[in-house]
Amino acid sequence: MELVDVPNAYLRYIAIERGRTRSVKTWRTYGMLLYEFFGFLEANNLKWDEIVPGHIAAWRNSMLARGCKRSSINQRLRGTFSFYKWAFRENLIQSLPFSNEEISVKKSPGFFAHLEVNHGRYLANELTMQTYSPIPKFLPIQKAIQFCDQLTPRRLRLMGYLMLLTGMRREETAELNYVAVPNPAGHDPKKQLPMEIGGKLSPTKGEKERVVMIPYDLAVALNDYLIFVRSKLAKKFKRKYGYESEKFFLSSTGEEISSDGITSAFKKLSDRCGIKCHPHMLRHTFGTYELLRMSRNRDQSLALLWVKDRMGHSSIQTTEKYIHATDLIEHDAVDGYQFDICEALRNGT
């Protein structure tokens, strides 16, 4: 593909000047979507500053024909719209190749509907497509325990239980800094321990700092790994690279664990044991069961805020999707769900 200066200038703006976009992963996402869009333009002999809405619609339809998800297509469209808005502000184009329309969103009143000032009416780009929010895919708690208990080796098993008991993301688990893990010594075994993640210590999505709660038994298991297993692996890493790794989880050869490596291990076990599970399903399982558990002890709006903060959601609407998932759970299965998980963690090999 021919190098085009303008999109590269936009990517430099995203990475250097724009204060709200500090994640390297987000920069890569913007780069990939612009690469695909400009590839479409080049394949059809179109100039980026001469296109009309019909050209963008053709790109959208080509992605739909390839089987791309509507949500993914809309994400790419919005990224492209942001590029053109920047170009318009920089006087690189005279007009925008799209327009907005006001739409009415029909949805059941949320717990914070009384704070909504737009009465369900929003401005939406006419080129984006209507999407539907699916119910999060989660596992019944006994299935989740059964899956995690079969994860090997020990570090992978601990990763599974960490995601299931805290709702941490795959990337957050792989990037966890050993300094962040709390020491359970002197703590009440009946109480959870707070663990701060985010910032430079243990990167999170959007670099948002938050506190996750670690059950006592999990904290004990993590510290046993830290003292008796990781200490030896850390020496291997330092001998090879000349500096100390800050990552909590290390491979048997002392290498740092990648998020893709976790996904691959989950897929292999899923194929072998028949329980279909990927890392994000454990996060959804936590969100579903934790919302139902907290709703029994407090008003559901407060329970939503609790789960939102634990999971690091930017919007309460993201957390509300778990309300529909809780309808699929037998409510008596929630009593002591954390106890059941910790018991399996204690008794496992």
Foldseek 3Di string as FASTA:
>chain_A
DDDDVLLVVVLCCLDPPDPQRPDPVVSVVLVVLVVLVVVLCVVVVHDPQPDALVSLLVVLVVCVVVVDDLVVSLVSVVSVQVSQVVCVVVVVHVDGRWAKDKDADDDDQDPCNVVDDVNRIDIDIPSRDDDDDDQAAADQLVLLLVLLLPQDDPLLSLLSLCCLQQLAALQQLLQAFPVQQDALPPPDQQAWDWTWAFDPRGHDVSRDIAITTHHSLSSVSLVCCQPPPLVVLQVLVCVVPVDGDRGSDADPNSHRDHSVNSQVSSVVSCVVVVPDDGSNNSSLNNLLLQLLVVVVVDPSVVSLVVSCRSNVPPDSVVSCSSVVVNVVDDSVSSVCSVVVSSVSVVPGD
